[in-house]
Amino acid sequence: IGYRGYLGLDSGDPQSVFTLDQRQIDVGALNRIGEANLRVGQSATFDDGTVVRFDGYREFAALQVSHDPGQVGVLISALTMLLGLMVTLLVRRERVFARITGAPAAEAGGGRSATLSLGGLARGGSGEHHERFGALFTGLLGNGRPEPARGA
């Protein structure tokens, strides 16, 4: 199909060179002057003497194939880091320290004895660590409540 007239290419609006603006046809700025189905090597002449010749075509395709073998490793690493972060955020951070020292022979009455010092450290959590530490220390000592550390 052939059209003649003003395409509006200088209007500044972005447009494709492969399609016509239907509004230009509707307002009469583009007029249909004829049509022809051409085979390779044929030509058509329109009423104003314009000759259109079909010289041929070339097939083409744009393909992109990619392979990134590192994607699986990156995915596994990212999931491992996420899992590690979740563990650090959800697991209570509590530490218990124990120190055993030998008592001087004068205090032990000439025999051998030892002193057990226990301590605990909690980071974060709900504040229930005092009860847990107390129960742990009582269980370790076996007889009543532990003596509080002096000077602390």
N, C-alpha and C. Protein backbone atom coordinates (compact mmCIF):
# COMPACT_ATOMS: atom_id res chain seq x y z
N ILE A 1 0.88 -1.18 0.00
CA ILE A 1 0.00 0.00 0.00
C ILE A 1 0.90 1.22 0.00
N GLY A 2 0.60 2.17 -0.86
CA GLY A 2 1.37 3.39 -0.94
C GLY A 2 0.57 4.58 -0.45
N TYR A 3 1.20 5.47 0.30
CA TYR A 3 0.58 6.69 0.80
C TYR A 3 1.45 7.88 0.39
N ARG A 4 0.81 9.03 0.16
CA ARG A 4 1.51 10.27 -0.14
C ARG A 4 0.96 11.35 0.79
N GLY A 5 1.90 12.20 1.28
CA GLY A 5 1.46 13.28 2.13
C GLY A 5 2.47 13.58 3.22
N TYR A 6 2.00 14.34 4.19
CA TYR A 6 2.84 14.79 5.30
C TYR A 6 2.87 13.72 6.39
N LEU A 7 4.08 13.23 6.72
CA LEU A 7 4.24 12.20 7.75
C LEU A 7 4.35 12.76 9.16
N GLY A 8 4.67 14.04 9.28
CA GLY A 8 4.81 14.64 10.60
C GLY A 8 6.12 14.28 11.27
N LEU A 9 7.14 13.97 10.47
CA LEU A 9 8.43 13.57 11.04
C LEU A 9 9.15 14.72 11.73
N ASP A 10 8.83 15.97 11.37
CA ASP A 10 9.49 17.11 11.98
C ASP A 10 8.73 17.66 13.19
N SER A 11 7.75 16.90 13.68
CA SER A 11 6.96 17.37 14.83
C SER A 11 7.71 17.22 16.16
N GLY A 12 8.75 16.39 16.19
CA GLY A 12 9.51 16.18 17.43
C GLY A 12 9.02 15.01 18.23
N ASP A 13 7.89 14.44 17.85
CA ASP A 13 7.38 13.26 18.55
C ASP A 13 8.12 12.02 18.08
N PRO A 14 8.50 11.12 18.99
CA PRO A 14 9.15 9.89 18.56
C PRO A 14 8.16 9.00 17.81
N GLN A 15 8.62 8.42 16.70
CA GLN A 15 7.76 7.55 15.92
C GLN A 15 8.59 6.55 15.15
N SER A 16 7.97 5.47 14.76
CA SER A 16 8.65 4.40 14.05
C SER A 16 8.59 4.67 12.54
N VAL A 17 9.66 4.31 11.84
CA VAL A 17 9.67 4.45 10.38
C VAL A 17 8.95 3.29 9.72
N PHE A 18 8.55 2.28 10.48
CA PHE A 18 7.89 1.11 9.93
C PHE A 18 6.37 1.17 10.04
N THR A 19 5.83 2.15 10.71
CA THR A 19 4.38 2.28 10.85
C THR A 19 3.96 3.71 10.55
N LEU A 20 2.73 3.83 10.07
CA LEU A 20 2.17 5.15 9.80
C LEU A 20 1.25 5.54 10.94
N ASP A 21 1.22 6.83 11.23
CA ASP A 21 0.34 7.36 12.27
C ASP A 21 -1.09 7.39 11.71
N GLN A 22 -1.99 6.63 12.31
CA GLN A 22 -3.36 6.54 11.83
C GLN A 22 -4.08 7.88 11.91
N ARG A 23 -3.68 8.72 12.85
CA ARG A 23 -4.30 10.06 12.94
C ARG A 23 -4.01 10.88 11.69
N GLN A 24 -2.79 10.74 11.12
CA GLN A 24 -2.45 11.47 9.89
C GLN A 24 -3.32 11.01 8.73
N ILE A 25 -3.64 9.72 8.70
CA ILE A 25 -4.52 9.21 7.64
C ILE A 25 -5.95 9.70 7.85
N ASP A 26 -6.41 9.71 9.11
CA ASP A 26 -7.79 10.13 9.42
C ASP A 26 -8.04 11.59 9.08
N VAL A 27 -7.05 12.47 9.30
CA VAL A 27 -7.26 13.90 9.03
C VAL A 27 -6.95 14.28 7.58
N GLY A 28 -6.48 13.29 6.79
CA GLY A 28 -6.24 13.56 5.37
C GLY A 28 -4.85 14.05 5.05
N ALA A 29 -3.93 14.03 6.02
CA ALA A 29 -2.56 14.45 5.74
C ALA A 29 -1.83 13.40 4.91
N LEU A 30 -2.26 12.14 5.00
CA LEU A 30 -1.71 11.05 4.19
C LEU A 30 -2.84 10.48 3.34
N ASN A 31 -2.61 10.37 2.05
CA ASN A 31 -3.63 9.85 1.13
C ASN A 31 -3.13 8.59 0.47
N ARG A 32 -4.01 7.62 0.37
CA ARG A 32 -3.67 6.34 -0.25
C ARG A 32 -3.60 6.54 -1.77
N ILE A 33 -2.48 6.11 -2.37
CA ILE A 33 -2.33 6.32 -3.82
C ILE A 33 -2.33 5.01 -4.59
N GLY A 34 -2.30 3.88 -3.91
CA GLY A 34 -2.35 2.60 -4.60
C GLY A 34 -1.74 1.50 -3.77
N GLU A 35 -1.80 0.28 -4.36
CA GLU A 35 -1.21 -0.86 -3.68
C GLU A 35 -0.72 -1.84 -4.71
N ALA A 36 0.25 -2.65 -4.32
CA ALA A 36 0.79 -3.66 -5.22
C ALA A 36 1.47 -4.74 -4.39
N ASN A 37 1.31 -6.00 -4.82
CA ASN A 37 2.02 -7.12 -4.23
C ASN A 37 3.16 -7.46 -5.18
N LEU A 38 4.37 -7.20 -4.76
CA LEU A 38 5.52 -7.36 -5.62
C LEU A 38 6.34 -8.58 -5.22
N ARG A 39 6.91 -9.23 -6.24
CA ARG A 39 7.86 -10.30 -6.01
C ARG A 39 9.25 -9.73 -6.26
N VAL A 40 10.26 -10.48 -5.89
CA VAL A 40 11.63 -10.01 -6.05
C VAL A 40 11.89 -9.69 -7.52
N GLY A 41 12.37 -8.47 -7.76
CA GLY A 41 12.69 -8.01 -9.11
C GLY A 41 11.56 -7.26 -9.79
N GLN A 42 10.34 -7.27 -9.26
CA GLN A 42 9.21 -6.57 -9.87
C GLN A 42 9.17 -5.12 -9.39
N SER A 43 8.46 -4.28 -10.15
CA SER A 43 8.29 -2.89 -9.77
C SER A 43 6.86 -2.46 -10.05
N ALA A 44 6.46 -1.37 -9.41
CA ALA A 44 5.12 -0.81 -9.61
C ALA A 44 5.27 0.69 -9.81
N THR A 45 4.42 1.26 -10.70
CA THR A 45 4.43 2.70 -10.97
C THR A 45 3.10 3.27 -10.51
N PHE A 46 3.18 4.32 -9.65
CA PHE A 46 1.96 4.95 -9.15
C PHE A 46 1.56 6.09 -10.07
N ASP A 47 0.37 6.70 -9.82
CA ASP A 47 -0.21 7.69 -10.74
C ASP A 47 0.63 8.95 -10.94
N ASP A 48 1.50 9.27 -10.00
CA ASP A 48 2.33 10.47 -10.17
C ASP A 48 3.66 10.16 -10.82
N GLY A 49 3.88 8.89 -11.24
CA GLY A 49 5.12 8.50 -11.90
C GLY A 49 6.15 7.91 -10.97
N THR A 50 5.86 7.80 -9.68
CA THR A 50 6.79 7.22 -8.72
C THR A 50 6.89 5.73 -8.98
N VAL A 51 8.11 5.23 -9.08
CA VAL A 51 8.35 3.81 -9.32
C VAL A 51 8.90 3.20 -8.03
N VAL A 52 8.30 2.09 -7.60
CA VAL A 52 8.74 1.35 -6.43
C VAL A 52 9.17 -0.03 -6.92
N ARG A 53 10.41 -0.39 -6.60
CA ARG A 53 10.94 -1.67 -7.04
C ARG A 53 11.32 -2.50 -5.82
N PHE A 54 10.99 -3.79 -5.89
CA PHE A 54 11.32 -4.71 -4.79
C PHE A 54 12.54 -5.51 -5.21
N ASP A 55 13.70 -5.15 -4.61
CA ASP A 55 14.97 -5.77 -4.98
C ASP A 55 15.24 -7.07 -4.23
N GLY A 56 14.62 -7.29 -3.11
CA GLY A 56 14.85 -8.53 -2.35
C GLY A 56 14.91 -8.25 -0.86
N TYR A 57 15.27 -9.26 -0.17
CA TYR A 57 15.35 -9.14 1.28
C TYR A 57 16.42 -10.10 1.79
N ARG A 58 16.89 -9.85 2.97
CA ARG A 58 17.84 -10.73 3.65
C ARG A 58 17.26 -11.07 5.02
N GLU A 59 17.26 -12.36 5.29
CA GLU A 59 16.78 -12.77 6.62
C GLU A 59 17.88 -12.56 7.64
N PHE A 60 17.50 -12.17 8.81
CA PHE A 60 18.46 -12.01 9.90
C PHE A 60 17.77 -12.31 11.21
N ALA A 61 18.57 -12.61 12.17
CA ALA A 61 18.06 -12.86 13.51
C ALA A 61 19.11 -12.41 14.50
N ALA A 62 18.68 -11.87 15.59
CA ALA A 62 19.58 -11.48 16.67
C ALA A 62 19.34 -12.45 17.83
N LEU A 63 20.35 -13.26 18.10
CA LEU A 63 20.24 -14.24 19.17
C LEU A 63 21.30 -13.97 20.22
N GLN A 64 20.97 -14.26 21.45
CA GLN A 64 21.94 -14.14 22.53
C GLN A 64 21.86 -15.39 23.38
N VAL A 65 22.96 -16.07 23.48
CA VAL A 65 23.04 -17.26 24.32
C VAL A 65 24.13 -17.00 25.34
N SER A 66 23.80 -17.20 26.59
CA SER A 66 24.80 -16.96 27.62
C SER A 66 24.81 -18.13 28.61
N HIS A 67 25.97 -18.33 29.17
CA HIS A 67 26.14 -19.36 30.18
C HIS A 67 27.06 -18.78 31.25
N ASP A 68 26.56 -18.73 32.47
CA ASP A 68 27.35 -18.20 33.57
C ASP A 68 27.44 -19.29 34.64
N PRO A 69 28.54 -20.06 34.63
CA PRO A 69 28.64 -21.16 35.58
C PRO A 69 28.75 -20.70 37.03
N GLY A 70 29.05 -19.43 37.27
CA GLY A 70 29.18 -18.94 38.64
C GLY A 70 27.85 -18.63 39.31
N GLN A 71 26.76 -18.64 38.57
CA GLN A 71 25.46 -18.27 39.16
C GLN A 71 25.05 -19.23 40.27
N VAL A 72 25.28 -20.50 40.10
CA VAL A 72 24.89 -21.48 41.12
C VAL A 72 25.71 -21.25 42.39
N GLY A 73 27.01 -21.02 42.23
CA GLY A 73 27.85 -20.75 43.40
C GLY A 73 27.45 -19.49 44.13
N VAL A 74 27.10 -18.46 43.38
CA VAL A 74 26.67 -17.20 44.01
C VAL A 74 25.35 -17.41 44.75
N LEU A 75 24.44 -18.16 44.16
CA LEU A 75 23.16 -18.43 44.82
C LEU A 75 23.37 -19.21 46.11
N ILE A 76 24.20 -20.24 46.07
CA ILE A 76 24.46 -21.04 47.27
C ILE A 76 25.13 -20.18 48.35
N SER A 77 26.08 -19.35 47.95
CA SER A 77 26.74 -18.47 48.92
C SER A 77 25.77 -17.48 49.54
N ALA A 78 24.91 -16.90 48.72
CA ALA A 78 23.94 -15.93 49.24
C ALA A 78 22.96 -16.60 50.21
N LEU A 79 22.50 -17.79 49.87
CA LEU A 79 21.58 -18.50 50.77
C LEU A 79 22.28 -18.89 52.07
N THR A 80 23.54 -19.29 51.98
CA THR A 80 24.30 -19.64 53.19
C THR A 80 24.49 -18.43 54.09
N MET A 81 24.81 -17.28 53.48
CA MET A 81 24.96 -16.06 54.28
C MET A 81 23.65 -15.66 54.93
N LEU A 82 22.54 -15.79 54.19
CA LEU A 82 21.24 -15.46 54.75
C LEU A 82 20.89 -16.38 55.90
N LEU A 83 21.18 -17.67 55.75
CA LEU A 83 20.94 -18.63 56.83
C LEU A 83 21.79 -18.30 58.05
N GLY A 84 23.06 -17.96 57.83
CA GLY A 84 23.94 -17.58 58.94
C GLY A 84 23.44 -16.34 59.65
N LEU A 85 22.97 -15.36 58.90
CA LEU A 85 22.43 -14.15 59.51
C LEU A 85 21.19 -14.47 60.35
N MET A 86 20.33 -15.32 59.83
CA MET A 86 19.13 -15.70 60.58
C MET A 86 19.51 -16.41 61.88
N VAL A 87 20.53 -17.27 61.84
CA VAL A 87 20.97 -17.97 63.05
C VAL A 87 21.48 -16.97 64.07
N THR A 88 22.28 -16.00 63.64
CA THR A 88 22.82 -15.03 64.59
C THR A 88 21.73 -14.15 65.18
N LEU A 89 20.66 -13.93 64.45
CA LEU A 89 19.58 -13.09 64.97
C LEU A 89 18.63 -13.85 65.87
N LEU A 90 18.51 -15.16 65.69
CA LEU A 90 17.52 -15.93 66.42
C LEU A 90 18.08 -16.71 67.61
N VAL A 91 19.37 -17.00 67.61
CA VAL A 91 19.97 -17.79 68.68
C VAL A 91 20.42 -16.86 69.79
N ARG A 92 20.14 -17.25 71.04
CA ARG A 92 20.56 -16.46 72.19
C ARG A 92 22.07 -16.52 72.30
N ARG A 93 22.66 -15.41 72.64
CA ARG A 93 24.11 -15.36 72.83
C ARG A 93 24.40 -15.32 74.33
N GLU A 94 24.62 -16.48 74.88
CA GLU A 94 24.93 -16.59 76.31
C GLU A 94 26.22 -17.38 76.46
N ARG A 95 27.03 -16.95 77.40
CA ARG A 95 28.28 -17.65 77.68
C ARG A 95 28.37 -17.93 79.17
N VAL A 96 28.96 -19.06 79.49
CA VAL A 96 29.19 -19.43 80.88
C VAL A 96 30.69 -19.68 81.00
N PHE A 97 31.29 -19.09 82.03
CA PHE A 97 32.72 -19.23 82.27
C PHE A 97 32.92 -19.95 83.59
N ALA A 98 33.91 -20.83 83.62
CA ALA A 98 34.26 -21.54 84.87
C ALA A 98 35.77 -21.50 85.02
N ARG A 99 36.21 -21.27 86.25
CA ARG A 99 37.64 -21.27 86.55
C ARG A 99 37.85 -22.06 87.84
N ILE A 100 38.76 -22.99 87.77
CA ILE A 100 39.10 -23.79 88.95
C ILE A 100 40.53 -23.43 89.33
N THR A 101 40.69 -23.02 90.58
CA THR A 101 42.03 -22.68 91.07
C THR A 101 42.29 -23.46 92.35
N GLY A 102 43.52 -23.79 92.55
CA GLY A 102 43.90 -24.50 93.78
C GLY A 102 43.98 -23.52 94.94
N ALA A 103 43.43 -23.92 96.08
CA ALA A 103 43.47 -23.07 97.28
C ALA A 103 44.83 -23.23 97.94
N PRO A 104 45.34 -22.20 98.57
CA PRO A 104 46.62 -22.34 99.29
C PRO A 104 46.51 -23.41 100.37
N ALA A 105 47.60 -24.08 100.62
CA ALA A 105 47.61 -25.18 101.60
C ALA A 105 47.22 -24.72 102.99
N ALA A 106 47.51 -23.48 103.36
CA ALA A 106 47.18 -22.97 104.70
C ALA A 106 45.68 -22.89 104.87
N GLU A 107 44.96 -22.49 103.81
CA GLU A 107 43.49 -22.39 103.91
C GLU A 107 42.85 -23.76 103.93
N ALA A 108 43.45 -24.71 103.28
CA ALA A 108 42.84 -26.03 103.16
C ALA A 108 43.14 -26.91 104.36
N GLY A 109 43.87 -26.38 105.34
CA GLY A 109 44.17 -27.16 106.53
C GLY A 109 45.18 -28.25 106.23
N GLY A 110 46.08 -27.98 105.33
CA GLY A 110 47.11 -28.95 105.01
C GLY A 110 46.71 -29.92 103.92
N GLY A 111 45.41 -30.00 103.54
CA GLY A 111 44.95 -30.90 102.47
C GLY A 111 44.86 -30.18 101.14
N ARG A 112 44.38 -30.88 100.18
CA ARG A 112 44.22 -30.29 98.85
C ARG A 112 42.78 -29.86 98.67
N SER A 113 42.59 -28.66 98.17
CA SER A 113 41.23 -28.18 97.86
C SER A 113 41.32 -27.28 96.65
N ALA A 114 40.16 -26.96 96.09
CA ALA A 114 40.10 -26.11 94.89
C ALA A 114 38.94 -25.13 95.03
N THR A 115 39.07 -24.04 94.34
CA THR A 115 38.01 -23.03 94.32
C THR A 115 37.43 -23.00 92.91
N LEU A 116 36.11 -23.07 92.82
CA LEU A 116 35.40 -23.01 91.54
C LEU A 116 34.77 -21.64 91.42
N SER A 117 35.14 -20.89 90.37
CA SER A 117 34.53 -19.58 90.10
C SER A 117 33.71 -19.71 88.83
N LEU A 118 32.45 -19.28 88.89
CA LEU A 118 31.55 -19.35 87.75
C LEU A 118 31.07 -17.95 87.39
N GLY A 119 30.84 -17.71 86.12
CA GLY A 119 30.30 -16.43 85.66
C GLY A 119 29.52 -16.65 84.38
N GLY A 120 28.68 -15.70 84.09
CA GLY A 120 27.87 -15.81 82.87
C GLY A 120 27.74 -14.46 82.19
N LEU A 121 27.56 -14.50 80.87
CA LEU A 121 27.40 -13.29 80.08
C LEU A 121 26.30 -13.53 79.05
N ALA A 122 25.33 -12.64 79.02
CA ALA A 122 24.23 -12.77 78.04
C ALA A 122 24.16 -11.50 77.22
N ARG A 123 24.06 -11.65 75.91
CA ARG A 123 23.91 -10.52 74.99
C ARG A 123 22.54 -10.63 74.36
N GLY A 124 21.76 -9.59 74.49
CA GLY A 124 20.41 -9.61 73.92
C GLY A 124 19.52 -10.52 74.74
N GLY A 125 18.43 -10.93 74.17
CA GLY A 125 17.50 -11.82 74.86
C GLY A 125 16.47 -11.04 75.65
N SER A 126 15.69 -11.77 76.44
CA SER A 126 14.56 -11.17 77.15
C SER A 126 14.84 -10.87 78.60
N GLY A 127 16.03 -11.10 79.10
CA GLY A 127 16.33 -10.84 80.50
C GLY A 127 16.08 -12.03 81.39
N GLU A 128 15.75 -13.19 80.85
CA GLU A 128 15.52 -14.39 81.64
C GLU A 128 16.81 -15.13 81.94
N HIS A 129 17.94 -14.59 81.53
CA HIS A 129 19.21 -15.28 81.70
C HIS A 129 19.62 -15.38 83.17
N HIS A 130 19.15 -14.47 84.01
CA HIS A 130 19.51 -14.55 85.43
C HIS A 130 18.99 -15.84 86.04
N GLU A 131 17.74 -16.19 85.74
CA GLU A 131 17.16 -17.41 86.28
C GLU A 131 17.86 -18.65 85.71
N ARG A 132 18.17 -18.63 84.41
CA ARG A 132 18.85 -19.78 83.80
C ARG A 132 20.25 -19.96 84.38
N PHE A 133 20.98 -18.86 84.52
CA PHE A 133 22.32 -18.95 85.09
C PHE A 133 22.25 -19.44 86.54
N GLY A 134 21.31 -18.91 87.31
CA GLY A 134 21.16 -19.34 88.72
C GLY A 134 20.88 -20.83 88.82
N ALA A 135 19.98 -21.33 87.95
CA ALA A 135 19.67 -22.77 87.99
C ALA A 135 20.87 -23.60 87.55
N LEU A 136 21.62 -23.12 86.58
CA LEU A 136 22.81 -23.84 86.12
C LEU A 136 23.87 -23.89 87.21
N PHE A 137 24.11 -22.76 87.86
CA PHE A 137 25.13 -22.72 88.92
C PHE A 137 24.72 -23.57 90.10
N THR A 138 23.44 -23.53 90.47
CA THR A 138 22.95 -24.34 91.59
C THR A 138 23.12 -25.81 91.26
N GLY A 139 22.81 -26.18 90.02
CA GLY A 139 22.97 -27.58 89.61
C GLY A 139 24.42 -28.02 89.62
N LEU A 140 25.32 -27.13 89.25
CA LEU A 140 26.75 -27.48 89.25
C LEU A 140 27.29 -27.63 90.67
N LEU A 141 26.86 -26.76 91.56
CA LEU A 141 27.36 -26.82 92.93
C LEU A 141 26.69 -27.91 93.74
N GLY A 142 25.46 -28.21 93.39
CA GLY A 142 24.76 -29.32 94.01
C GLY A 142 24.18 -29.07 95.38
N ASN A 143 24.55 -28.01 96.09
CA ASN A 143 24.03 -27.82 97.45
C ASN A 143 23.69 -26.35 97.68
N GLY A 144 22.52 -26.01 97.34
CA GLY A 144 22.06 -24.65 97.63
C GLY A 144 22.53 -23.63 96.61
N ARG A 145 22.45 -22.39 97.03
CA ARG A 145 22.78 -21.29 96.11
C ARG A 145 24.27 -21.01 96.11
N PRO A 146 24.81 -20.59 94.99
CA PRO A 146 26.23 -20.29 94.94
C PRO A 146 26.52 -18.98 95.68
N GLU A 147 27.73 -18.86 96.15
CA GLU A 147 28.11 -17.62 96.81
C GLU A 147 28.41 -16.59 95.74
N PRO A 148 27.95 -15.36 95.95
CA PRO A 148 28.27 -14.33 94.94
C PRO A 148 29.75 -14.01 94.97
N ALA A 149 30.27 -13.61 93.83
CA ALA A 149 31.69 -13.28 93.74
C ALA A 149 31.96 -12.03 94.54
N ARG A 150 33.08 -12.00 95.21
CA ARG A 150 33.44 -10.84 96.02
C ARG A 150 34.06 -9.79 95.10
N GLY A 151 33.71 -8.57 95.39
CA GLY A 151 34.28 -7.47 94.62
C GLY A 151 33.60 -7.22 93.30
N ALA A 152 32.52 -7.91 93.02
CA ALA A 152 31.85 -7.71 91.74
C ALA A 152 30.53 -7.02 91.94
